[in-house]
């Protein structure tokens, strides 16, 4: 019986930048389309305001933990904003 050797490289080649989380993938695609970044509010609005905040926060956490996106706090005249940007691929 033949054995199949699966490596991290082959998994990356097959699945590319998919996270297994459809919402995270959708947000990552949006972030990639806006290189200047999107605020948390922009992301919510792009999703049509139909996603629970906890689902968006979970998807953003997935992107941050996998190195696909990063965030930074921006000081504003009012409440601070969080700006999310897609990570630059290292390929």
PDB file of N, CA and C in Angstrom:
ATOM      1  N   UNK A   1       0.847  -1.174   0.000  1.00  0.00           N
ATOM      2  CA  UNK A   1       0.000   0.000   0.000  1.00  0.00           C
ATOM      3  C   UNK A   1       0.894   1.240   0.000  1.00  0.00           C
ATOM      4  N   UNK A   2       0.626   2.192  -0.884  1.00  0.00           N
ATOM      5  CA  UNK A   2       1.417   3.417  -0.984  1.00  0.00           C
ATOM      6  C   UNK A   2       0.997   4.398   0.090  1.00  0.00           C
ATOM      7  N   UNK A   3       1.969   5.104   0.597  1.00  0.00           N
ATOM      8  CA  UNK A   3       1.698   6.134   1.596  1.00  0.00           C
ATOM      9  C   UNK A   3       1.754   7.496   0.930  1.00  0.00           C
ATOM     10  N   UNK A   4       0.890   8.383   1.366  1.00  0.00           N
ATOM     11  CA  UNK A   4       0.850   9.737   0.842  1.00  0.00           C
ATOM     12  C   UNK A   4       1.549  10.645   1.845  1.00  0.00           C
ATOM     13  N   UNK A   5       2.565  11.357   1.400  1.00  0.00           N
ATOM     14  CA  UNK A   5       3.289  12.291   2.254  1.00  0.00           C
ATOM     15  C   UNK A   5       2.731  13.685   2.005  1.00  0.00           C
ATOM     16  N   UNK A   6       2.163  14.278   3.044  1.00  0.00           N
ATOM     17  CA  UNK A   6       1.591  15.617   2.941  1.00  0.00           C
ATOM     18  C   UNK A   6       2.504  16.572   3.707  1.00  0.00           C
ATOM     19  N   UNK A   7       2.957  17.598   3.022  1.00  0.00           N
ATOM     20  CA  UNK A   7       3.815  18.593   3.655  1.00  0.00           C
ATOM     21  C   UNK A   7       3.082  19.922   3.744  1.00  0.00           C
ATOM     22  N   UNK A   8       3.617  20.820   4.554  1.00  0.00           N
ATOM     23  CA  UNK A   8       3.023  22.150   4.671  1.00  0.00           C
ATOM     24  C   UNK A   8       3.030  22.849   3.320  1.00  0.00           C
ATOM     25  N   UNK A   9       4.081  22.641   2.549  1.00  0.00           N
ATOM     26  CA  UNK A   9       4.165  23.258   1.230  1.00  0.00           C
ATOM     27  C   UNK A   9       3.085  22.770   0.290  1.00  0.00           C
ATOM     28  N   UNK A  10       2.808  21.463   0.329  1.00  0.00           N
ATOM     29  CA  UNK A  10       1.776  20.936  -0.564  1.00  0.00           C
ATOM     30  C   UNK A  10       0.389  21.409  -0.129  1.00  0.00           C
ATOM     31  N   UNK A  11       0.173  21.527   1.169  1.00  0.00           N
ATOM     32  CA  UNK A  11      -1.117  22.029   1.659  1.00  0.00           C
ATOM     33  C   UNK A  11      -1.291  23.480   1.221  1.00  0.00           C
ATOM     34  N   UNK A  12      -0.242  24.291   1.359  1.00  0.00           N
ATOM     35  CA  UNK A  12      -0.310  25.693   0.941  1.00  0.00           C
ATOM     36  C   UNK A  12      -0.558  25.796  -0.560  1.00  0.00           C
ATOM     37  N   UNK A  13       0.068  24.911  -1.346  1.00  0.00           N
ATOM     38  CA  UNK A  13      -0.122  24.938  -2.795  1.00  0.00           C
ATOM     39  C   UNK A  13      -1.564  24.607  -3.159  1.00  0.00           C
ATOM     40  N   UNK A  14      -2.146  23.634  -2.479  1.00  0.00           N
ATOM     41  CA  UNK A  14      -3.518  23.202  -2.780  1.00  0.00           C
ATOM     42  C   UNK A  14      -4.546  24.228  -2.317  1.00  0.00           C
ATOM     43  N   UNK A  15      -4.407  24.695  -1.074  1.00  0.00           N
ATOM     44  CA  UNK A  15      -5.436  25.545  -0.479  1.00  0.00           C
ATOM     45  C   UNK A  15      -5.127  27.036  -0.535  1.00  0.00           C
ATOM     46  N   UNK A  16      -3.928  27.403  -0.927  1.00  0.00           N
ATOM     47  CA  UNK A  16      -3.576  28.818  -1.042  1.00  0.00           C
ATOM     48  C   UNK A  16      -3.765  29.556   0.263  1.00  0.00           C
ATOM     49  N   UNK A  17      -4.482  30.674   0.213  1.00  0.00           N
ATOM     50  CA  UNK A  17      -4.651  31.492   1.407  1.00  0.00           C
ATOM     51  C   UNK A  17      -5.972  31.226   2.132  1.00  0.00           C
ATOM     52  N   UNK A  18      -6.630  30.127   1.842  1.00  0.00           N
ATOM     53  CA  UNK A  18      -7.883  29.806   2.518  1.00  0.00           C
ATOM     54  C   UNK A  18      -7.638  29.515   3.990  1.00  0.00           C
ATOM     55  N   UNK A  19      -8.523  29.988   4.823  1.00  0.00           N
ATOM     56  CA  UNK A  19      -8.386  29.791   6.266  1.00  0.00           C
ATOM     57  C   UNK A  19      -9.308  28.702   6.800  1.00  0.00           C
ATOM     58  N   UNK A  20     -10.272  28.286   6.002  1.00  0.00           N
ATOM     59  CA  UNK A  20     -11.278  27.357   6.501  1.00  0.00           C
ATOM     60  C   UNK A  20     -12.454  28.101   7.119  1.00  0.00           C
ATOM     61  N   UNK A  21     -12.369  29.408   7.144  1.00  0.00           N
ATOM     62  CA  UNK A  21     -13.413  30.268   7.713  1.00  0.00           C
ATOM     63  C   UNK A  21     -13.881  31.197   6.583  1.00  0.00           C
ATOM     64  N   UNK A  22     -15.080  30.974   6.093  1.00  0.00           N
ATOM     65  CA  UNK A  22     -15.591  31.730   4.950  1.00  0.00           C
ATOM     66  C   UNK A  22     -15.649  33.225   5.241  1.00  0.00           C
ATOM     67  N   UNK A  23     -16.066  33.611   6.430  1.00  0.00           N
ATOM     68  CA  UNK A  23     -16.133  35.030   6.773  1.00  0.00           C
ATOM     69  C   UNK A  23     -14.728  35.639   6.797  1.00  0.00           C
ATOM     70  N   UNK A  24     -13.769  34.922   7.363  1.00  0.00           N
ATOM     71  CA  UNK A  24     -12.383  35.413   7.379  1.00  0.00           C
ATOM     72  C   UNK A  24     -11.868  35.577   5.957  1.00  0.00           C
ATOM     73  N   UNK A  25     -12.169  34.636   5.102  1.00  0.00           N
ATOM     74  CA  UNK A  25     -11.735  34.719   3.700  1.00  0.00           C
ATOM     75  C   UNK A  25     -12.383  35.927   3.012  1.00  0.00           C
ATOM     76  N   UNK A  26     -13.647  36.164   3.266  1.00  0.00           N
ATOM     77  CA  UNK A  26     -14.354  37.301   2.685  1.00  0.00           C
ATOM     78  C   UNK A  26     -13.734  38.614   3.141  1.00  0.00           C
ATOM     79  N   UNK A  27     -13.439  38.712   4.434  1.00  0.00           N
ATOM     80  CA  UNK A  27     -12.828  39.928   4.972  1.00  0.00           C
ATOM     81  C   UNK A  27     -11.423  40.111   4.400  1.00  0.00           C
ATOM     82  N   UNK A  28     -10.662  39.022   4.310  1.00  0.00           N
ATOM     83  CA  UNK A  28      -9.306  39.116   3.768  1.00  0.00           C
ATOM     84  C   UNK A  28      -9.329  39.598   2.321  1.00  0.00           C
ATOM     85  N   UNK A  29     -10.270  39.118   1.547  1.00  0.00           N
ATOM     86  CA  UNK A  29     -10.414  39.557   0.158  1.00  0.00           C
ATOM     87  C   UNK A  29     -10.716  41.055   0.106  1.00  0.00           C
ATOM     88  N   UNK A  30     -11.581  41.522   0.995  1.00  0.00           N
ATOM     89  CA  UNK A  30     -11.899  42.951   1.053  1.00  0.00           C
ATOM     90  C   UNK A  30     -10.678  43.762   1.463  1.00  0.00           C
ATOM     91  N   UNK A  31      -9.929  43.293   2.451  1.00  0.00           N
ATOM     92  CA  UNK A  31      -8.730  44.003   2.892  1.00  0.00           C
ATOM     93  C   UNK A  31      -7.700  44.086   1.775  1.00  0.00           C
ATOM     94  N   UNK A  32      -7.574  43.017   1.007  1.00  0.00           N
ATOM     95  CA  UNK A  32      -6.615  43.006  -0.101  1.00  0.00           C
ATOM     96  C   UNK A  32      -7.014  44.019  -1.178  1.00  0.00           C
ATOM     97  N   UNK A  33      -8.307  44.280  -1.307  1.00  0.00           N
ATOM     98  CA  UNK A  33      -8.789  45.230  -2.308  1.00  0.00           C
ATOM     99  C   UNK A  33      -8.614  46.680  -1.854  1.00  0.00           C
ATOM    100  N   UNK A  34      -8.369  46.886  -0.573  1.00  0.00           N
ATOM    101  CA  UNK A  34      -8.188  48.230  -0.013  1.00  0.00           C
ATOM    102  C   UNK A  34      -6.837  48.297   0.690  1.00  0.00           C
ATOM    103  N   UNK A  35      -5.742  48.525  -0.053  1.00  0.00           N
ATOM    104  CA  UNK A  35      -4.413  48.510   0.551  1.00  0.00           C
ATOM    105  C   UNK A  35      -4.220  49.563   1.648  1.00  0.00           C
ATOM    106  N   UNK A  36      -5.025  50.631   1.627  1.00  0.00           N
ATOM    107  CA  UNK A  36      -4.924  51.646   2.668  1.00  0.00           C
ATOM    108  C   UNK A  36      -5.525  51.153   3.987  1.00  0.00           C
ATOM    109  N   UNK A  37      -6.244  50.036   3.924  1.00  0.00           N
ATOM    110  CA  UNK A  37      -6.844  49.439   5.113  1.00  0.00           C
ATOM    111  C   UNK A  37      -8.302  49.796   5.274  1.00  0.00           C
ATOM    112  N   UNK A  38      -8.944  49.082   6.171  1.00  0.00           N
ATOM    113  CA  UNK A  38     -10.352  49.308   6.487  1.00  0.00           C
ATOM    114  C   UNK A  38     -10.509  49.345   8.002  1.00  0.00           C
ATOM    115  N   UNK A  39     -11.354  50.251   8.460  1.00  0.00           N
ATOM    116  CA  UNK A  39     -11.650  50.262   9.887  1.00  0.00           C
ATOM    117  C   UNK A  39     -12.640  49.141  10.189  1.00  0.00           C
ATOM    118  N   UNK A  40     -12.783  48.854  11.442  1.00  0.00           N
ATOM    119  CA  UNK A  40     -13.732  47.823  11.874  1.00  0.00           C
ATOM    120  C   UNK A  40     -15.140  48.197  11.388  1.00  0.00           C
ATOM    121  N   UNK A  41     -15.459  49.485  11.419  1.00  0.00           N
ATOM    122  CA  UNK A  41     -16.761  49.961  10.954  1.00  0.00           C
ATOM    123  C   UNK A  41     -16.905  49.768   9.444  1.00  0.00           C
ATOM    124  N   UNK A  42     -15.833  50.049   8.688  1.00  0.00           N
ATOM    125  CA  UNK A  42     -15.859  49.825   7.237  1.00  0.00           C
ATOM    126  C   UNK A  42     -16.142  48.357   6.928  1.00  0.00           C
ATOM    127  N   UNK A  43     -15.497  47.470   7.673  1.00  0.00           N
ATOM    128  CA  UNK A  43     -15.680  46.026   7.458  1.00  0.00           C
ATOM    129  C   UNK A  43     -17.130  45.641   7.723  1.00  0.00           C
ATOM    130  N   UNK A  44     -17.663  46.129   8.828  1.00  0.00           N
ATOM    131  CA  UNK A  44     -19.070  45.846   9.155  1.00  0.00           C
ATOM    132  C   UNK A  44     -19.984  46.323   8.041  1.00  0.00           C
ATOM    133  N   UNK A  45     -19.728  47.539   7.539  1.00  0.00           N
ATOM    134  CA  UNK A  45     -20.577  48.105   6.484  1.00  0.00           C
ATOM    135  C   UNK A  45     -20.444  47.313   5.177  1.00  0.00           C
ATOM    136  N   UNK A  46     -19.229  46.888   4.828  1.00  0.00           N
ATOM    137  CA  UNK A  46     -19.041  46.084   3.613  1.00  0.00           C
ATOM    138  C   UNK A  46     -19.792  44.759   3.677  1.00  0.00           C
ATOM    139  N   UNK A  47     -19.968  44.255   4.874  1.00  0.00           N
ATOM    140  CA  UNK A  47     -20.697  42.995   5.054  1.00  0.00           C
ATOM    141  C   UNK A  47     -22.203  43.226   5.145  1.00  0.00           C
ATOM    142  N   UNK A  48     -22.631  44.446   4.877  1.00  0.00           N
ATOM    143  CA  UNK A  48     -24.053  44.758   4.845  1.00  0.00           C
ATOM    144  C   UNK A  48     -24.698  44.858   6.210  1.00  0.00           C
ATOM    145  N   UNK A  49     -23.883  44.982   7.238  1.00  0.00           N
ATOM    146  CA  UNK A  49     -24.377  45.087   8.619  1.00  0.00           C
ATOM    147  C   UNK A  49     -25.237  43.897   9.020  1.00  0.00           C
ATOM    148  N   UNK A  50     -24.996  42.745   8.377  1.00  0.00           N
ATOM    149  CA  UNK A  50     -25.809  41.560   8.655  1.00  0.00           C
ATOM    150  C   UNK A  50     -25.045  40.491   9.430  1.00  0.00           C
ATOM    151  N   UNK A  51     -23.851  40.798   9.893  1.00  0.00           N
ATOM    152  CA  UNK A  51     -23.056  39.813  10.624  1.00  0.00           C
ATOM    153  C   UNK A  51     -22.914  40.251  12.066  1.00  0.00           C
ATOM    154  N   UNK A  52     -23.053  39.336  13.012  1.00  0.00           N
ATOM    155  CA  UNK A  52     -22.868  39.700  14.422  1.00  0.00           C
ATOM    156  C   UNK A  52     -21.427  40.152  14.673  1.00  0.00           C
ATOM    157  N   UNK A  53     -21.270  41.094  15.581  1.00  0.00           N
ATOM    158  CA  UNK A  53     -19.941  41.607  15.922  1.00  0.00           C
ATOM    159  C   UNK A  53     -19.018  40.483  16.376  1.00  0.00           C
ATOM    160  N   UNK A  54     -19.557  39.507  17.085  1.00  0.00           N
ATOM    161  CA  UNK A  54     -18.716  38.404  17.560  1.00  0.00           C
ATOM    162  C   UNK A  54     -18.182  37.571  16.399  1.00  0.00           C
ATOM    163  N   UNK A  55     -18.969  37.415  15.342  1.00  0.00           N
ATOM    164  CA  UNK A  55     -18.512  36.658  14.169  1.00  0.00           C
ATOM    165  C   UNK A  55     -17.408  37.420  13.444  1.00  0.00           C
ATOM    166  N   UNK A  56     -17.574  38.730  13.305  1.00  0.00           N
ATOM    167  CA  UNK A  56     -16.550  39.550  12.649  1.00  0.00           C
ATOM    168  C   UNK A  56     -15.276  39.552  13.488  1.00  0.00           C
ATOM    169  N   UNK A  57     -15.420  39.704  14.799  1.00  0.00           N
ATOM    170  CA  UNK A  57     -14.243  39.696  15.677  1.00  0.00           C
ATOM    171  C   UNK A  57     -13.508  38.361  15.600  1.00  0.00           C
ATOM    172  N   UNK A  58     -14.251  37.274  15.531  1.00  0.00           N
ATOM    173  CA  UNK A  58     -13.626  35.951  15.415  1.00  0.00           C
ATOM    174  C   UNK A  58     -12.875  35.791  14.100  1.00  0.00           C
ATOM    175  N   UNK A  59     -13.473  36.284  13.017  1.00  0.00           N
ATOM    176  CA  UNK A  59     -12.815  36.199  11.703  1.00  0.00           C
ATOM    177  C   UNK A  59     -11.559  37.065  11.678  1.00  0.00           C
ATOM    178  N   UNK A  60     -11.626  38.256  12.267  1.00  0.00           N
ATOM    179  CA  UNK A  60     -10.443  39.120  12.322  1.00  0.00           C
ATOM    180  C   UNK A  60      -9.350  38.491  13.185  1.00  0.00           C
ATOM    181  N   UNK A  61      -9.738  37.843  14.263  1.00  0.00           N
ATOM    182  CA  UNK A  61      -8.760  37.155  15.103  1.00  0.00           C
ATOM    183  C   UNK A  61      -8.088  36.018  14.331  1.00  0.00           C
ATOM    184  N   UNK A  62      -8.858  35.288  13.532  1.00  0.00           N
ATOM    185  CA  UNK A  62      -8.295  34.225  12.693  1.00  0.00           C
ATOM    186  C   UNK A  62      -7.274  34.797  11.723  1.00  0.00           C
ATOM    187  N   UNK A  63      -7.607  35.912  11.099  1.00  0.00           N
ATOM    188  CA  UNK A  63      -6.685  36.537  10.152  1.00  0.00           C
ATOM    189  C   UNK A  63      -5.418  37.029  10.850  1.00  0.00           C
ATOM    190  N   UNK A  64      -5.580  37.596  12.027  1.00  0.00           N
ATOM    191  CA  UNK A  64      -4.414  38.090  12.775  1.00  0.00           C
ATOM    192  C   UNK A  64      -3.534  36.935  13.231  1.00  0.00           C
ATOM    193  N   UNK A  65      -4.145  35.874  13.749  1.00  0.00           N
ATOM    194  CA  UNK A  65      -3.376  34.723  14.247  1.00  0.00           C
ATOM    195  C   UNK A  65      -2.641  33.981  13.138  1.00  0.00           C
ATOM    196  N   UNK A  66      -3.173  34.011  11.942  1.00  0.00           N
ATOM    197  CA  UNK A  66      -2.532  33.316  10.825  1.00  0.00           C
ATOM    198  C   UNK A  66      -1.620  34.238  10.022  1.00  0.00           C
ATOM    199  N   UNK A  67      -1.460  35.478  10.480  1.00  0.00           N
ATOM    200  CA  UNK A  67      -0.567  36.413   9.808  1.00  0.00           C
ATOM    201  C   UNK A  67      -1.100  36.979   8.512  1.00  0.00           C
ATOM    202  N   UNK A  68      -2.387  36.859   8.277  1.00  0.00           N
ATOM    203  CA  UNK A  68      -2.970  37.349   7.022  1.00  0.00           C
ATOM    204  C   UNK A  68      -3.404  38.808   7.098  1.00  0.00           C
ATOM    205  N   UNK A  69      -3.538  39.336   8.320  1.00  0.00           N
ATOM    206  CA  UNK A  69      -3.944  40.724   8.510  1.00  0.00           C
ATOM    207  C   UNK A  69      -3.384  41.231   9.831  1.00  0.00           C
ATOM    208  N   UNK A  70      -3.275  42.550   9.906  1.00  0.00           N
ATOM    209  CA  UNK A  70      -2.828  43.159  11.160  1.00  0.00           C
ATOM    210  C   UNK A  70      -3.678  44.393  11.422  1.00  0.00           C
ATOM    211  N   UNK A  71      -3.652  44.822  12.657  1.00  0.00           N
ATOM    212  CA  UNK A  71      -4.458  45.983  13.036  1.00  0.00           C
ATOM    213  C   UNK A  71      -3.597  46.991  13.767  1.00  0.00           C
ATOM    214  N   UNK A  72      -4.064  48.225  13.719  1.00  0.00           N
ATOM    215  CA  UNK A  72      -3.426  49.277  14.500  1.00  0.00           C
ATOM    216  C   UNK A  72      -4.499  50.227  14.979  1.00  0.00           C
ATOM    217  N   UNK A  73      -4.286  50.766  16.154  1.00  0.00           N
ATOM    218  CA  UNK A  73      -5.225  51.703  16.743  1.00  0.00           C
ATOM    219  C   UNK A  73      -4.930  53.099  16.218  1.00  0.00           C
ATOM    220  N   UNK A  74      -5.967  53.800  15.801  1.00  0.00           N
ATOM    221  CA  UNK A  74      -5.835  55.166  15.315  1.00  0.00           C
ATOM    222  C   UNK A  74      -6.555  56.115  16.259  1.00  0.00           C
ATOM    223  N   UNK A  75      -5.861  57.154  16.668  1.00  0.00           N
ATOM    224  CA  UNK A  75      -6.508  58.158  17.508  1.00  0.00           C
ATOM    225  C   UNK A  75      -7.325  59.078  16.626  1.00  0.00           C
ATOM    226  N   UNK A  76      -8.534  59.347  17.037  1.00  0.00           N
ATOM    227  CA  UNK A  76      -9.423  60.247  16.311  1.00  0.00           C
ATOM    228  C   UNK A  76      -9.906  61.312  17.284  1.00  0.00           C
ATOM    229  N   UNK A  77     -10.690  62.248  16.784  1.00  0.00           N
ATOM    230  CA  UNK A  77     -11.245  63.285  17.654  1.00  0.00           C
ATOM    231  C   UNK A  77     -12.206  62.683  18.678  1.00  0.00           C
ATOM    232  N   UNK A  78     -12.758  61.542  18.322  1.00  0.00           N
ATOM    233  CA  UNK A  78     -13.680  60.865  19.226  1.00  0.00           C
ATOM    234  C   UNK A  78     -13.091  59.551  19.712  1.00  0.00           C
ATOM    235  N   UNK A  79     -13.851  58.529  19.540  1.00  0.00           N
ATOM    236  CA  UNK A  79     -13.426  57.196  19.948  1.00  0.00           C
ATOM    237  C   UNK A  79     -12.312  56.686  19.033  1.00  0.00           C
ATOM    238  N   UNK A  80     -11.276  56.024  19.581  1.00  0.00           N
ATOM    239  CA  UNK A  80     -10.216  55.500  18.714  1.00  0.00           C
ATOM    240  C   UNK A  80     -10.780  54.481  17.714  1.00  0.00           C
ATOM    241  N   UNK A  81     -10.185  54.455  16.527  1.00  0.00           N
ATOM    242  CA  UNK A  81     -10.592  53.508  15.488  1.00  0.00           C
ATOM    243  C   UNK A  81      -9.523  52.431  15.378  1.00  0.00           C
ATOM    244  N   UNK A  82      -9.916  51.267  14.884  1.00  0.00           N
ATOM    245  CA  UNK A  82      -8.973  50.182  14.626  1.00  0.00           C
ATOM    246  C   UNK A  82      -8.913  49.985  13.116  1.00  0.00           C
ATOM    247  N   UNK A  83      -7.720  50.145  12.550  1.00  0.00           N
ATOM    248  CA  UNK A  83      -7.517  50.004  11.115  1.00  0.00           C
ATOM    249  C   UNK A  83      -6.912  48.638  10.842  1.00  0.00           C
ATOM    250  N   UNK A  84      -7.550  47.871   9.966  1.00  0.00           N
ATOM    251  CA  UNK A  84      -7.080  46.538   9.579  1.00  0.00           C
ATOM    252  C   UNK A  84      -6.508  46.588   8.180  1.00  0.00           C
ATOM    253  N   UNK A  85      -5.367  45.942   7.978  1.00  0.00           N
ATOM    254  CA  UNK A  85      -4.751  45.850   6.658  1.00  0.00           C
ATOM    255  C   UNK A  85      -4.364  44.410   6.375  1.00  0.00           C
ATOM    256  N   UNK A  86      -4.409  44.046   5.108  1.00  0.00           N
ATOM    257  CA  UNK A  86      -3.975  42.699   4.701  1.00  0.00           C
ATOM    258  C   UNK A  86      -2.457  42.637   4.772  1.00  0.00           C
ATOM    259  N   UNK A  87      -1.961  41.510   5.186  1.00  0.00           N
ATOM    260  CA  UNK A  87      -0.513  41.309   5.241  1.00  0.00           C
ATOM    261  C   UNK A  87       0.029  41.154   3.827  1.00  0.00           C
ATOM    262  N   UNK A  88       1.224  41.632   3.623  1.00  0.00           N
ATOM    263  CA  UNK A  88       1.881  41.492   2.325  1.00  0.00           C
ATOM    264  C   UNK A  88       2.400  40.070   2.223  1.00  0.00           C
ATOM    265  N   UNK A  89       2.033  39.324   1.179  1.00  0.00           N
ATOM    266  CA  UNK A  89       2.502  37.946   1.046  1.00  0.00           C
ATOM    267  C   UNK A  89       4.028  37.905   0.951  1.00  0.00           C
ATOM    268  N   UNK A  90       4.611  36.871   1.530  1.00  0.00           N
ATOM    269  CA  UNK A  90       6.065  36.750   1.537  1.00  0.00           C
ATOM    270  C   UNK A  90       6.566  35.835   0.429  1.00  0.00           C
ATOM    271  N   UNK A  91       5.774  35.597  -0.603  1.00  0.00           N
ATOM    272  CA  UNK A  91       6.151  34.690  -1.693  1.00  0.00           C
ATOM    273  C   UNK A  91       7.035  35.347  -2.679  1.00  0.00           C
TER     274      UNK A  91
END
